[in-house]
């Protein structure tokens, strides 16, 4: 009897391009609201959006299966 191969979970490529996994296994992502219309927004708002944001632990648990191969 032949062995049946186990189907592997593929990485979601759209999610992979948005999230970044650090060495400590914490996940970072960019802030929303910085794509367009930044001229009418406050300078401090634009400056604070340049840094990365940590994903919450609840979201990290939910997305771990999707980004298992990053």
Protein backbone atom coordinates (compact mmCIF):
# COMPACT_ATOMS: atom_id res chain seq x y z
CA UNK A 1 0.00 0.00 0.00
CA UNK A 2 1.43 3.37 -1.03
CA UNK A 3 1.92 6.19 1.43
CA UNK A 4 -0.32 9.19 0.96
CA UNK A 5 1.54 12.50 0.99
CA UNK A 6 0.40 15.03 3.55
CA UNK A 7 -0.84 18.24 1.97
CA UNK A 8 1.21 21.18 3.21
CA UNK A 9 -0.20 24.57 4.13
CA UNK A 10 1.04 27.19 1.68
CA UNK A 11 2.17 30.62 2.82
CA UNK A 12 -0.25 33.41 1.96
CA UNK A 13 1.93 35.62 -0.25
CA UNK A 14 -0.15 38.78 0.20
CA UNK A 15 0.24 38.53 3.97
CA UNK A 16 3.94 37.76 3.63
CA UNK A 17 4.51 41.05 1.80
CA UNK A 18 2.81 43.07 4.56
CA UNK A 19 4.11 41.43 7.75
CA UNK A 20 7.66 41.01 9.04
CA UNK A 21 8.68 38.34 11.57
CA UNK A 22 11.53 39.33 13.91
CA UNK A 23 14.07 36.96 15.43
CA UNK A 24 12.09 37.04 18.68
CA UNK A 25 9.11 35.67 16.66
CA UNK A 26 7.16 38.91 17.19
CA UNK A 27 5.38 40.17 14.10
CA UNK A 28 5.57 43.77 12.87
CA UNK A 29 3.52 45.60 10.30
CA UNK A 30 3.20 49.10 8.93
CA UNK A 31 0.73 51.70 10.16
CA UNK A 32 -2.36 52.43 8.07
CA UNK A 33 -3.08 55.90 6.75
CA UNK A 34 0.19 56.80 5.04
CA UNK A 35 -0.43 55.96 1.38
CA UNK A 36 -1.95 59.19 0.12
CA UNK A 37 -3.28 62.62 1.18
CA UNK A 38 -0.33 63.07 3.54
CA UNK A 39 0.00 66.75 2.67
CA UNK A 40 -3.19 67.58 4.50
CA UNK A 41 -2.27 65.48 7.54
CA UNK A 42 -0.33 66.65 10.57
CA UNK A 43 3.49 66.38 10.35
CA UNK A 44 3.68 64.51 13.65
CA UNK A 45 1.04 62.08 12.37
CA UNK A 46 3.10 61.37 9.23
CA UNK A 47 6.32 61.01 11.22
CA UNK A 48 4.81 58.56 13.71
CA UNK A 49 3.42 56.41 10.89
CA UNK A 50 6.92 55.78 9.48
CA UNK A 51 7.85 53.40 12.30
CA UNK A 52 6.71 49.80 12.42
CA UNK A 53 3.92 48.60 14.71
CA UNK A 54 3.83 45.33 16.64
CA UNK A 55 0.96 43.03 15.86
CA UNK A 56 -1.21 42.19 18.85
CA UNK A 57 -0.80 38.74 20.37
CA UNK A 58 -4.38 37.80 19.40
CA UNK A 59 -3.74 38.68 15.75
CA UNK A 60 -0.36 36.93 15.83
CA UNK A 61 -1.97 33.68 16.99
CA UNK A 62 -4.60 33.97 14.27
CA UNK A 63 -2.07 34.60 11.49
CA UNK A 64 0.58 32.07 12.54
CA UNK A 65 -0.94 29.32 10.39
CA UNK A 66 -1.03 31.58 7.32
CA UNK A 67 2.57 32.79 7.58
CA UNK A 68 4.21 29.58 8.77
CA UNK A 69 6.91 29.64 6.08
CA UNK A 70 8.11 33.26 6.38
